[in-house]
Amino acid sequence: DSRITDAVNEAKDNVKYLYSLEKYYHPLYNSDPVSMVDAIPGLINA
């Protein structure tokens, strides 16, 4: 039960933080290489 609780908490925490990166990595999927460069500093800081 303790291991399951830890796993749930880890997954919740990681999903929360990885969602916060979405706005920064979105340009990596949808932009040309020159436009991607502008998104990199924000992504690294996040």
ModelCIF file with pLDDT and N, C-alpha, C, O atoms, coordinates in Angstrom:
data_MODEL
#
_entry.id   MODEL 
#
_entity.id                         1 
_entity.type                       polymer 
_entity.pdbx_number_of_molecules   1 
#
_entity_poly.entity_id                      1 
_entity_poly.type                           'polypeptide(L)' 
_entity_poly.nstd_linkage                   no 
_entity_poly.nstd_monomer                   no 
_entity_poly.pdbx_seq_one_letter_code       DSRITDAVNEAKDNVKYLYSLEKYYHPLYNSDPVSMVDAIPGLINA 
_entity_poly.pdbx_seq_one_letter_code_can   DSRITDAVNEAKDNVKYLYSLEKYYHPLYNSDPVSMVDAIPGLINA 
_entity_poly.pdbx_strand_id                 A 
#
loop_
_entity_poly_seq.entity_id 
_entity_poly_seq.num 
_entity_poly_seq.mon_id 
_entity_poly_seq.hetero 
1 1  ASP n 
1 2  SER n 
1 3  ARG n 
1 4  ILE n 
1 5  THR n 
1 6  ASP n 
1 7  ALA n 
1 8  VAL n 
1 9  ASN n 
1 10 GLU n 
1 11 ALA n 
1 12 LYS n 
1 13 ASP n 
1 14 ASN n 
1 15 VAL n 
1 16 LYS n 
1 17 TYR n 
1 18 LEU n 
1 19 TYR n 
1 20 SER n 
1 21 LEU n 
1 22 GLU n 
1 23 LYS n 
1 24 TYR n 
1 25 TYR n 
1 26 HIS n 
1 27 PRO n 
1 28 LEU n 
1 29 TYR n 
1 30 ASN n 
1 31 SER n 
1 32 ASP n 
1 33 PRO n 
1 34 VAL n 
1 35 SER n 
1 36 MET n 
1 37 VAL n 
1 38 ASP n 
1 39 ALA n 
1 40 ILE n 
1 41 PRO n 
1 42 GLY n 
1 43 LEU n 
1 44 ILE n 
1 45 ASN n 
1 46 ALA n 
#
_struct_asym.id          A 
_struct_asym.entity_id   1 
#
loop_
_ma_qa_metric.id 
_ma_qa_metric.mode 
_ma_qa_metric.name 
_ma_qa_metric.software_group_id 
_ma_qa_metric.type 
1 global pLDDT . pLDDT 
2 local  pLDDT . pLDDT 
#
_ma_qa_metric_global.metric_id      1 
_ma_qa_metric_global.metric_value   90.13 
_ma_qa_metric_global.model_id       1 
_ma_qa_metric_global.ordinal_id     1 
#
loop_
_ma_qa_metric_local.label_asym_id 
_ma_qa_metric_local.label_comp_id 
_ma_qa_metric_local.label_seq_id 
_ma_qa_metric_local.metric_id 
_ma_qa_metric_local.metric_value 
_ma_qa_metric_local.model_id 
_ma_qa_metric_local.ordinal_id 
A ASP 1  2 88.00 1 1  
A SER 2  2 91.00 1 2  
A ARG 3  2 91.00 1 3  
A ILE 4  2 91.00 1 4  
A THR 5  2 91.00 1 5  
A ASP 6  2 93.00 1 6  
A ALA 7  2 92.00 1 7  
A VAL 8  2 94.00 1 8  
A ASN 9  2 95.00 1 9  
A GLU 10 2 93.00 1 10 
A ALA 11 2 94.00 1 11 
A LYS 12 2 95.00 1 12 
A ASP 13 2 95.00 1 13 
A ASN 14 2 94.00 1 14 
A VAL 15 2 95.00 1 15 
A LYS 16 2 94.00 1 16 
A TYR 17 2 93.00 1 17 
A LEU 18 2 93.00 1 18 
A TYR 19 2 93.00 1 19 
A SER 20 2 91.00 1 20 
A LEU 21 2 91.00 1 21 
A GLU 22 2 90.00 1 22 
A LYS 23 2 89.00 1 23 
A TYR 24 2 89.00 1 24 
A TYR 25 2 88.00 1 25 
A HIS 26 2 87.00 1 26 
A PRO 27 2 86.00 1 27 
A LEU 28 2 85.00 1 28 
A TYR 29 2 87.00 1 29 
A ASN 30 2 87.00 1 30 
A SER 31 2 84.00 1 31 
A ASP 32 2 86.00 1 32 
A PRO 33 2 85.00 1 33 
A VAL 34 2 85.00 1 34 
A SER 35 2 82.00 1 35 
A MET 36 2 85.00 1 36 
A VAL 37 2 87.00 1 37 
A ASP 38 2 87.00 1 38 
A ALA 39 2 87.00 1 39 
A ILE 40 2 89.00 1 40 
A PRO 41 2 92.00 1 41 
A GLY 42 2 91.00 1 42 
A LEU 43 2 91.00 1 43 
A ILE 44 2 93.00 1 44 
A ASN 45 2 94.00 1 45 
A ALA 46 2 93.00 1 46 
#
loop_
_atom_site.group_PDB 
_atom_site.id 
_atom_site.type_symbol 
_atom_site.label_atom_id 
_atom_site.label_alt_id 
_atom_site.label_comp_id 
_atom_site.label_asym_id 
_atom_site.label_entity_id 
_atom_site.label_seq_id 
_atom_site.pdbx_PDB_ins_code 
_atom_site.Cartn_x 
_atom_site.Cartn_y 
_atom_site.Cartn_z 
_atom_site.occupancy 
_atom_site.B_iso_or_equiv 
_atom_site.pdbx_formal_charge 
_atom_site.auth_seq_id 
_atom_site.auth_comp_id 
_atom_site.auth_asym_id 
_atom_site.auth_atom_id 
_atom_site.pdbx_PDB_model_num 
ATOM 1   N N  . ASP A 1 1  ? 0.834  -1.200 0.000   1.00 88.00 ? 1  ASP A N  1 
ATOM 2   C CA . ASP A 1 1  ? 0.000  0.000  0.000   1.00 88.00 ? 1  ASP A CA 1 
ATOM 3   C C  . ASP A 1 1  ? 0.874  1.258  0.000   1.00 88.00 ? 1  ASP A C  1 
ATOM 4   O O  . ASP A 1 1  ? 0.566  2.234  -0.684  1.00 88.00 ? 1  ASP A O  1 
ATOM 5   N N  . SER A 1 2  ? 1.937  1.228  0.751   1.00 91.00 ? 2  SER A N  1 
ATOM 6   C CA . SER A 1 2  ? 2.857  2.367  0.797   1.00 91.00 ? 2  SER A CA 1 
ATOM 7   C C  . SER A 1 2  ? 3.541  2.571  -0.559  1.00 91.00 ? 2  SER A C  1 
ATOM 8   O O  . SER A 1 2  ? 3.687  3.705  -1.013  1.00 91.00 ? 2  SER A O  1 
ATOM 9   N N  . ARG A 1 3  ? 3.954  1.491  -1.197  1.00 91.00 ? 3  ARG A N  1 
ATOM 10  C CA . ARG A 1 3  ? 4.587  1.595  -2.513  1.00 91.00 ? 3  ARG A CA 1 
ATOM 11  C C  . ARG A 1 3  ? 3.619  2.139  -3.553  1.00 91.00 ? 3  ARG A C  1 
ATOM 12  O O  . ARG A 1 3  ? 4.000  2.944  -4.403  1.00 91.00 ? 3  ARG A O  1 
ATOM 13  N N  . ILE A 1 4  ? 2.368  1.701  -3.484  1.00 91.00 ? 4  ILE A N  1 
ATOM 14  C CA . ILE A 1 4  ? 1.342  2.195  -4.421  1.00 91.00 ? 4  ILE A CA 1 
ATOM 15  C C  . ILE A 1 4  ? 1.102  3.686  -4.199  1.00 91.00 ? 4  ILE A C  1 
ATOM 16  O O  . ILE A 1 4  ? 1.015  4.458  -5.154  1.00 91.00 ? 4  ILE A O  1 
ATOM 17  N N  . THR A 1 5  ? 0.995  4.081  -2.942  1.00 91.00 ? 5  THR A N  1 
ATOM 18  C CA . THR A 1 5  ? 0.791  5.492  -2.613  1.00 91.00 ? 5  THR A CA 1 
ATOM 19  C C  . THR A 1 5  ? 1.945  6.343  -3.126  1.00 91.00 ? 5  THR A C  1 
ATOM 20  O O  . THR A 1 5  ? 1.722  7.414  -3.691  1.00 91.00 ? 5  THR A O  1 
ATOM 21  N N  . ASP A 1 6  ? 3.165  5.879  -2.937  1.00 93.00 ? 6  ASP A N  1 
ATOM 22  C CA . ASP A 1 6  ? 4.328  6.609  -3.433  1.00 93.00 ? 6  ASP A CA 1 
ATOM 23  C C  . ASP A 1 6  ? 4.299  6.728  -4.960  1.00 93.00 ? 6  ASP A C  1 
ATOM 24  O O  . ASP A 1 6  ? 4.599  7.787  -5.511  1.00 93.00 ? 6  ASP A O  1 
ATOM 25  N N  . ALA A 1 7  ? 3.937  5.640  -5.634  1.00 92.00 ? 7  ALA A N  1 
ATOM 26  C CA . ALA A 1 7  ? 3.886  5.652  -7.096  1.00 92.00 ? 7  ALA A CA 1 
ATOM 27  C C  . ALA A 1 7  ? 2.819  6.622  -7.608  1.00 92.00 ? 7  ALA A C  1 
ATOM 28  O O  . ALA A 1 7  ? 3.047  7.332  -8.588  1.00 92.00 ? 7  ALA A O  1 
ATOM 29  N N  . VAL A 1 8  ? 1.667  6.655  -6.958  1.00 94.00 ? 8  VAL A N  1 
ATOM 30  C CA . VAL A 1 8  ? 0.599  7.581  -7.348  1.00 94.00 ? 8  VAL A CA 1 
ATOM 31  C C  . VAL A 1 8  ? 1.072  9.021  -7.151  1.00 94.00 ? 8  VAL A C  1 
ATOM 32  O O  . VAL A 1 8  ? 0.886  9.868  -8.024  1.00 94.00 ? 8  VAL A O  1 
ATOM 33  N N  . ASN A 1 9  ? 1.680  9.285  -6.010  1.00 95.00 ? 9  ASN A N  1 
ATOM 34  C CA . ASN A 1 9  ? 2.146  10.640 -5.730  1.00 95.00 ? 9  ASN A CA 1 
ATOM 35  C C  . ASN A 1 9  ? 3.232  11.070 -6.703  1.00 95.00 ? 9  ASN A C  1 
ATOM 36  O O  . ASN A 1 9  ? 3.254  12.221 -7.140  1.00 95.00 ? 9  ASN A O  1 
ATOM 37  N N  . GLU A 1 10 ? 4.138  10.150 -7.050  1.00 93.00 ? 10 GLU A N  1 
ATOM 38  C CA . GLU A 1 10 ? 5.181  10.466 -8.026  1.00 93.00 ? 10 GLU A CA 1 
ATOM 39  C C  . GLU A 1 10 ? 4.576  10.789 -9.387  1.00 93.00 ? 10 GLU A C  1 
ATOM 40  O O  . GLU A 1 10 ? 4.957  11.771 -10.024 1.00 93.00 ? 10 GLU A O  1 
ATOM 41  N N  . ALA A 1 11 ? 3.643  9.970  -9.826  1.00 94.00 ? 11 ALA A N  1 
ATOM 42  C CA . ALA A 1 11 ? 3.019  10.185 -11.137 1.00 94.00 ? 11 ALA A CA 1 
ATOM 43  C C  . ALA A 1 11 ? 2.255  11.517 -11.156 1.00 94.00 ? 11 ALA A C  1 
ATOM 44  O O  . ALA A 1 11 ? 2.351  12.265 -12.130 1.00 94.00 ? 11 ALA A O  1 
ATOM 45  N N  . LYS A 1 12 ? 1.506  11.818 -10.104 1.00 95.00 ? 12 LYS A N  1 
ATOM 46  C CA . LYS A 1 12 ? 0.770  13.090 -10.034 1.00 95.00 ? 12 LYS A CA 1 
ATOM 47  C C  . LYS A 1 12 ? 1.723  14.275 -10.111 1.00 95.00 ? 12 LYS A C  1 
ATOM 48  O O  . LYS A 1 12 ? 1.502  15.220 -10.868 1.00 95.00 ? 12 LYS A O  1 
ATOM 49  N N  . ASP A 1 13 ? 2.776  14.210 -9.323  1.00 95.00 ? 13 ASP A N  1 
ATOM 50  C CA . ASP A 1 13 ? 3.751  15.297 -9.281  1.00 95.00 ? 13 ASP A CA 1 
ATOM 51  C C  . ASP A 1 13 ? 4.416  15.485 -10.641 1.00 95.00 ? 13 ASP A C  1 
ATOM 52  O O  . ASP A 1 13 ? 4.552  16.610 -11.123 1.00 95.00 ? 13 ASP A O  1 
ATOM 53  N N  . ASN A 1 14 ? 4.825  14.387 -11.252 1.00 94.00 ? 14 ASN A N  1 
ATOM 54  C CA . ASN A 1 14 ? 5.510  14.479 -12.544 1.00 94.00 ? 14 ASN A CA 1 
ATOM 55  C C  . ASN A 1 14 ? 4.589  14.987 -13.643 1.00 94.00 ? 14 ASN A C  1 
ATOM 56  O O  . ASN A 1 14 ? 5.009  15.781 -14.484 1.00 94.00 ? 14 ASN A O  1 
ATOM 57  N N  . VAL A 1 15 ? 3.347  14.541 -13.646 1.00 95.00 ? 15 VAL A N  1 
ATOM 58  C CA . VAL A 1 15 ? 2.388  15.032 -14.644 1.00 95.00 ? 15 VAL A CA 1 
ATOM 59  C C  . VAL A 1 15 ? 2.182  16.536 -14.472 1.00 95.00 ? 15 VAL A C  1 
ATOM 60  O O  . VAL A 1 15 ? 2.150  17.282 -15.451 1.00 95.00 ? 15 VAL A O  1 
ATOM 61  N N  . LYS A 1 16 ? 2.046  16.968 -13.238 1.00 94.00 ? 16 LYS A N  1 
ATOM 62  C CA . LYS A 1 16 ? 1.846  18.401 -12.978 1.00 94.00 ? 16 LYS A CA 1 
ATOM 63  C C  . LYS A 1 16 ? 3.006  19.225 -13.541 1.00 94.00 ? 16 LYS A C  1 
ATOM 64  O O  . LYS A 1 16 ? 2.783  20.225 -14.224 1.00 94.00 ? 16 LYS A O  1 
ATOM 65  N N  . TYR A 1 17 ? 4.217  18.816 -13.263 1.00 93.00 ? 17 TYR A N  1 
ATOM 66  C CA . TYR A 1 17 ? 5.367  19.582 -13.724 1.00 93.00 ? 17 TYR A CA 1 
ATOM 67  C C  . TYR A 1 17 ? 5.587  19.460 -15.228 1.00 93.00 ? 17 TYR A C  1 
ATOM 68  O O  . TYR A 1 17 ? 5.955  20.434 -15.884 1.00 93.00 ? 17 TYR A O  1 
ATOM 69  N N  . LEU A 1 18 ? 5.367  18.289 -15.767 1.00 93.00 ? 18 LEU A N  1 
ATOM 70  C CA . LEU A 1 18 ? 5.551  18.124 -17.213 1.00 93.00 ? 18 LEU A CA 1 
ATOM 71  C C  . LEU A 1 18 ? 4.496  18.891 -18.004 1.00 93.00 ? 18 LEU A C  1 
ATOM 72  O O  . LEU A 1 18 ? 4.776  19.364 -19.106 1.00 93.00 ? 18 LEU A O  1 
ATOM 73  N N  . TYR A 1 19 ? 3.285  19.019 -17.456 1.00 93.00 ? 19 TYR A N  1 
ATOM 74  C CA . TYR A 1 19 ? 2.278  19.866 -18.112 1.00 93.00 ? 19 TYR A CA 1 
ATOM 75  C C  . TYR A 1 19 ? 2.747  21.318 -18.174 1.00 93.00 ? 19 TYR A C  1 
ATOM 76  O O  . TYR A 1 19 ? 2.441  22.035 -19.127 1.00 93.00 ? 19 TYR A O  1 
ATOM 77  N N  . SER A 1 20 ? 3.486  21.745 -17.159 1.00 91.00 ? 20 SER A N  1 
ATOM 78  C CA . SER A 1 20 ? 3.955  23.132 -17.152 1.00 91.00 ? 20 SER A CA 1 
ATOM 79  C C  . SER A 1 20 ? 4.972  23.389 -18.266 1.00 91.00 ? 20 SER A C  1 
ATOM 80  O O  . SER A 1 20 ? 5.197  24.540 -18.639 1.00 91.00 ? 20 SER A O  1 
ATOM 81  N N  . LEU A 1 21 ? 5.583  22.341 -18.796 1.00 91.00 ? 21 LEU A N  1 
ATOM 82  C CA . LEU A 1 21 ? 6.542  22.493 -19.899 1.00 91.00 ? 21 LEU A CA 1 
ATOM 83  C C  . LEU A 1 21 ? 5.873  22.580 -21.262 1.00 91.00 ? 21 LEU A C  1 
ATOM 84  O O  . LEU A 1 21 ? 6.495  22.996 -22.239 1.00 91.00 ? 21 LEU A O  1 
ATOM 85  N N  . GLU A 1 22 ? 4.604  22.187 -21.326 1.00 90.00 ? 22 GLU A N  1 
ATOM 86  C CA . GLU A 1 22 ? 3.922  22.052 -22.614 1.00 90.00 ? 22 GLU A CA 1 
ATOM 87  C C  . GLU A 1 22 ? 4.001  23.321 -23.462 1.00 90.00 ? 22 GLU A C  1 
ATOM 88  O O  . GLU A 1 22 ? 4.257  23.246 -24.663 1.00 90.00 ? 22 GLU A O  1 
ATOM 89  N N  . LYS A 1 23 ? 3.787  24.466 -22.858 1.00 89.00 ? 23 LYS A N  1 
ATOM 90  C CA . LYS A 1 23 ? 3.801  25.712 -23.635 1.00 89.00 ? 23 LYS A CA 1 
ATOM 91  C C  . LYS A 1 23 ? 5.195  26.018 -24.187 1.00 89.00 ? 23 LYS A C  1 
ATOM 92  O O  . LYS A 1 23 ? 5.334  26.734 -25.179 1.00 89.00 ? 23 LYS A O  1 
ATOM 93  N N  . TYR A 1 24 ? 6.233  25.464 -23.531 1.00 89.00 ? 24 TYR A N  1 
ATOM 94  C CA . TYR A 1 24 ? 7.596  25.705 -24.000 1.00 89.00 ? 24 TYR A CA 1 
ATOM 95  C C  . TYR A 1 24 ? 8.034  24.725 -25.086 1.00 89.00 ? 24 TYR A C  1 
ATOM 96  O O  . TYR A 1 24 ? 8.771  25.099 -26.000 1.00 89.00 ? 24 TYR A O  1 
ATOM 97  N N  . TYR A 1 25 ? 7.581  23.466 -24.990 1.00 88.00 ? 25 TYR A N  1 
ATOM 98  C CA . TYR A 1 25 ? 8.012  22.513 -26.016 1.00 88.00 ? 25 TYR A CA 1 
ATOM 99  C C  . TYR A 1 25 ? 7.060  22.450 -27.202 1.00 88.00 ? 25 TYR A C  1 
ATOM 100 O O  . TYR A 1 25 ? 7.386  21.828 -28.213 1.00 88.00 ? 25 TYR A O  1 
ATOM 101 N N  . HIS A 1 26 ? 5.900  23.073 -27.105 1.00 87.00 ? 26 HIS A N  1 
ATOM 102 C CA . HIS A 1 26 ? 4.955  23.096 -28.222 1.00 87.00 ? 26 HIS A CA 1 
ATOM 103 C C  . HIS A 1 26 ? 5.606  23.660 -29.495 1.00 87.00 ? 26 HIS A C  1 
ATOM 104 O O  . HIS A 1 26 ? 5.414  23.086 -30.567 1.00 87.00 ? 26 HIS A O  1 
ATOM 105 N N  . PRO A 1 27 ? 6.368  24.761 -29.417 1.00 86.00 ? 27 PRO A N  1 
ATOM 106 C CA . PRO A 1 27 ? 7.022  25.277 -30.633 1.00 86.00 ? 27 PRO A CA 1 
ATOM 107 C C  . PRO A 1 27 ? 8.025  24.296 -31.262 1.00 86.00 ? 27 PRO A C  1 
ATOM 108 O O  . PRO A 1 27 ? 8.294  24.371 -32.461 1.00 86.00 ? 27 PRO A O  1 
ATOM 109 N N  . LEU A 1 28 ? 8.573  23.383 -30.460 1.00 85.00 ? 28 LEU A N  1 
ATOM 110 C CA . LEU A 1 28 ? 9.516  22.406 -31.012 1.00 85.00 ? 28 LEU A CA 1 
ATOM 111 C C  . LEU A 1 28 ? 8.826  21.469 -32.002 1.00 85.00 ? 28 LEU A C  1 
ATOM 112 O O  . LEU A 1 28 ? 9.456  20.953 -32.925 1.00 85.00 ? 28 LEU A O  1 
ATOM 113 N N  . TYR A 1 29 ? 7.546  21.258 -31.802 1.00 87.00 ? 29 TYR A N  1 
ATOM 114 C CA . TYR A 1 29 ? 6.778  20.383 -32.683 1.00 87.00 ? 29 TYR A CA 1 
ATOM 115 C C  . TYR A 1 29 ? 6.157  21.127 -33.861 1.00 87.00 ? 29 TYR A C  1 
ATOM 116 O O  . TYR A 1 29 ? 5.917  20.535 -34.913 1.00 87.00 ? 29 TYR A O  1 
ATOM 117 N N  . ASN A 1 30 ? 5.897  22.414 -33.687 1.00 87.00 ? 30 ASN A N  1 
ATOM 118 C CA . ASN A 1 30 ? 5.084  23.136 -34.668 1.00 87.00 ? 30 ASN A CA 1 
ATOM 119 C C  . ASN A 1 30 ? 5.774  24.318 -35.340 1.00 87.00 ? 30 ASN A C  1 
ATOM 120 O O  . ASN A 1 30 ? 5.116  25.083 -36.045 1.00 87.00 ? 30 ASN A O  1 
ATOM 121 N N  . SER A 1 31 ? 7.070  24.488 -35.145 1.00 84.00 ? 31 SER A N  1 
ATOM 122 C CA . SER A 1 31 ? 7.752  25.656 -35.714 1.00 84.00 ? 31 SER A CA 1 
ATOM 123 C C  . SER A 1 31 ? 8.915  25.224 -36.604 1.00 84.00 ? 31 SER A C  1 
ATOM 124 O O  . SER A 1 31 ? 9.356  24.075 -36.591 1.00 84.00 ? 31 SER A O  1 
ATOM 125 N N  . ASP A 1 32 ? 9.376  26.176 -37.355 1.00 86.00 ? 32 ASP A N  1 
ATOM 126 C CA . ASP A 1 32 ? 10.580 25.939 -38.146 1.00 86.00 ? 32 ASP A CA 1 
ATOM 127 C C  . ASP A 1 32 ? 11.791 26.065 -37.212 1.00 86.00 ? 32 ASP A C  1 
ATOM 128 O O  . ASP A 1 32 ? 11.666 26.636 -36.129 1.00 86.00 ? 32 ASP A O  1 
ATOM 129 N N  . PRO A 1 33 ? 12.947 25.550 -37.607 1.00 85.00 ? 33 PRO A N  1 
ATOM 130 C CA . PRO A 1 33 ? 14.127 25.572 -36.722 1.00 85.00 ? 33 PRO A CA 1 
ATOM 131 C C  . PRO A 1 33 ? 14.514 26.958 -36.218 1.00 85.00 ? 33 PRO A C  1 
ATOM 132 O O  . PRO A 1 33 ? 14.965 27.092 -35.080 1.00 85.00 ? 33 PRO A O  1 
ATOM 133 N N  . VAL A 1 34 ? 14.350 27.974 -37.028 1.00 85.00 ? 34 VAL A N  1 
ATOM 134 C CA . VAL A 1 34 ? 14.709 29.326 -36.588 1.00 85.00 ? 34 VAL A CA 1 
ATOM 135 C C  . VAL A 1 34 ? 13.780 29.790 -35.468 1.00 85.00 ? 34 VAL A C  1 
ATOM 136 O O  . VAL A 1 34 ? 14.238 30.401 -34.502 1.00 85.00 ? 34 VAL A O  1 
ATOM 137 N N  . SER A 1 35 ? 12.486 29.509 -35.584 1.00 82.00 ? 35 SER A N  1 
ATOM 138 C CA . SER A 1 35 ? 11.525 29.906 -34.552 1.00 82.00 ? 35 SER A CA 1 
ATOM 139 C C  . SER A 1 35 ? 11.698 29.088 -33.277 1.00 82.00 ? 35 SER A C  1 
ATOM 140 O O  . SER A 1 35 ? 11.405 29.567 -32.181 1.00 82.00 ? 35 SER A O  1 
ATOM 141 N N  . MET A 1 36 ? 12.168 27.864 -33.421 1.00 85.00 ? 36 MET A N  1 
ATOM 142 C CA . MET A 1 36 ? 12.381 27.007 -32.250 1.00 85.00 ? 36 MET A CA 1 
ATOM 143 C C  . MET A 1 36 ? 13.401 27.597 -31.291 1.00 85.00 ? 36 MET A C  1 
ATOM 144 O O  . MET A 1 36 ? 13.290 27.432 -30.076 1.00 85.00 ? 36 MET A O  1 
ATOM 145 N N  . VAL A 1 37 ? 14.376 28.272 -31.827 1.00 87.00 ? 37 VAL A N  1 
ATOM 146 C CA . VAL A 1 37 ? 15.457 28.818 -31.008 1.00 87.00 ? 37 VAL A CA 1 
ATOM 147 C C  . VAL A 1 37 ? 14.907 29.751 -29.931 1.00 87.00 ? 37 VAL A C  1 
ATOM 148 O O  . VAL A 1 37 ? 15.432 29.783 -28.818 1.00 87.00 ? 37 VAL A O  1 
ATOM 149 N N  . ASP A 1 38 ? 13.873 30.499 -30.243 1.00 87.00 ? 38 ASP A N  1 
ATOM 150 C CA . ASP A 1 38 ? 13.293 31.425 -29.278 1.00 87.00 ? 38 ASP A CA 1 
ATOM 151 C C  . ASP A 1 38 ? 12.653 30.700 -28.089 1.00 87.00 ? 38 ASP A C  1 
ATOM 152 O O  . ASP A 1 38 ? 12.566 31.267 -27.000 1.00 87.00 ? 38 ASP A O  1 
ATOM 153 N N  . ALA A 1 39 ? 12.209 29.471 -28.283 1.00 87.00 ? 39 ALA A N  1 
ATOM 154 C CA . ALA A 1 39 ? 11.555 28.724 -27.214 1.00 87.00 ? 39 ALA A CA 1 
ATOM 155 C C  . ALA A 1 39 ? 12.542 28.042 -26.276 1.00 87.00 ? 39 ALA A C  1 
ATOM 156 O O  . ALA A 1 39 ? 12.177 27.697 -25.152 1.00 87.00 ? 39 ALA A O  1 
ATOM 157 N N  . ILE A 1 40 ? 13.767 27.841 -26.702 1.00 89.00 ? 40 ILE A N  1 
ATOM 158 C CA . ILE A 1 40 ? 14.744 27.057 -25.939 1.00 89.00 ? 40 ILE A CA 1 
ATOM 159 C C  . ILE A 1 40 ? 15.073 27.662 -24.567 1.00 89.00 ? 40 ILE A C  1 
ATOM 160 O O  . ILE A 1 40 ? 15.060 26.924 -23.582 1.00 89.00 ? 40 ILE A O  1 
ATOM 161 N N  . PRO A 1 41 ? 15.365 28.958 -24.451 1.00 92.00 ? 41 PRO A N  1 
ATOM 162 C CA . PRO A 1 41 ? 15.702 29.496 -23.115 1.00 92.00 ? 41 PRO A CA 1 
ATOM 163 C C  . PRO A 1 41 ? 14.574 29.301 -22.088 1.00 92.00 ? 41 PRO A C  1 
ATOM 164 O O  . PRO A 1 41 ? 14.837 28.943 -20.940 1.00 92.00 ? 41 PRO A O  1 
ATOM 165 N N  . GLY A 1 42 ? 13.347 29.531 -22.495 1.00 91.00 ? 42 GLY A N  1 
ATOM 166 C CA . GLY A 1 42 ? 12.219 29.329 -21.578 1.00 91.00 ? 42 GLY A CA 1 
ATOM 167 C C  . GLY A 1 42 ? 12.075 27.877 -21.173 1.00 91.00 ? 42 GLY A C  1 
ATOM 168 O O  . GLY A 1 42 ? 11.788 27.571 -20.015 1.00 91.00 ? 42 GLY A O  1 
ATOM 169 N N  . LEU A 1 43 ? 12.273 26.988 -22.122 1.00 91.00 ? 43 LEU A N  1 
ATOM 170 C CA . LEU A 1 43 ? 12.184 25.556 -21.843 1.00 91.00 ? 43 LEU A CA 1 
ATOM 171 C C  . LEU A 1 43 ? 13.271 25.126 -20.864 1.00 91.00 ? 43 LEU A C  1 
ATOM 172 O O  . LEU A 1 43 ? 12.997 24.387 -19.918 1.00 91.00 ? 43 LEU A O  1 
ATOM 173 N N  . ILE A 1 44 ? 14.482 25.579 -21.080 1.00 93.00 ? 44 ILE A N  1 
ATOM 174 C CA . ILE A 1 44 ? 15.588 25.217 -20.186 1.00 93.00 ? 44 ILE A CA 1 
ATOM 175 C C  . ILE A 1 44 ? 15.346 25.774 -18.787 1.00 93.00 ? 44 ILE A C  1 
ATOM 176 O O  . ILE A 1 44 ? 15.598 25.087 -17.797 1.00 93.00 ? 44 ILE A O  1 
ATOM 177 N N  . ASN A 1 45 ? 14.867 26.992 -18.693 1.00 94.00 ? 45 ASN A N  1 
ATOM 178 C CA . ASN A 1 45 ? 14.568 27.568 -17.373 1.00 94.00 ? 45 ASN A CA 1 
ATOM 179 C C  . ASN A 1 45 ? 13.450 26.803 -16.673 1.00 94.00 ? 45 ASN A C  1 
ATOM 180 O O  . ASN A 1 45 ? 13.504 26.601 -15.460 1.00 94.00 ? 45 ASN A O  1 
ATOM 181 N N  . ALA A 1 46 ? 12.443 26.377 -17.419 1.00 93.00 ? 46 ALA A N  1 
ATOM 182 C CA . ALA A 1 46 ? 11.347 25.609 -16.828 1.00 93.00 ? 46 ALA A CA 1 
ATOM 183 C C  . ALA A 1 46 ? 11.840 24.248 -16.337 1.00 93.00 ? 46 ALA A C  1 
ATOM 184 O O  . ALA A 1 46 ? 11.055 23.461 -15.809 1.00 93.00 ? 46 ALA A O  1 
#
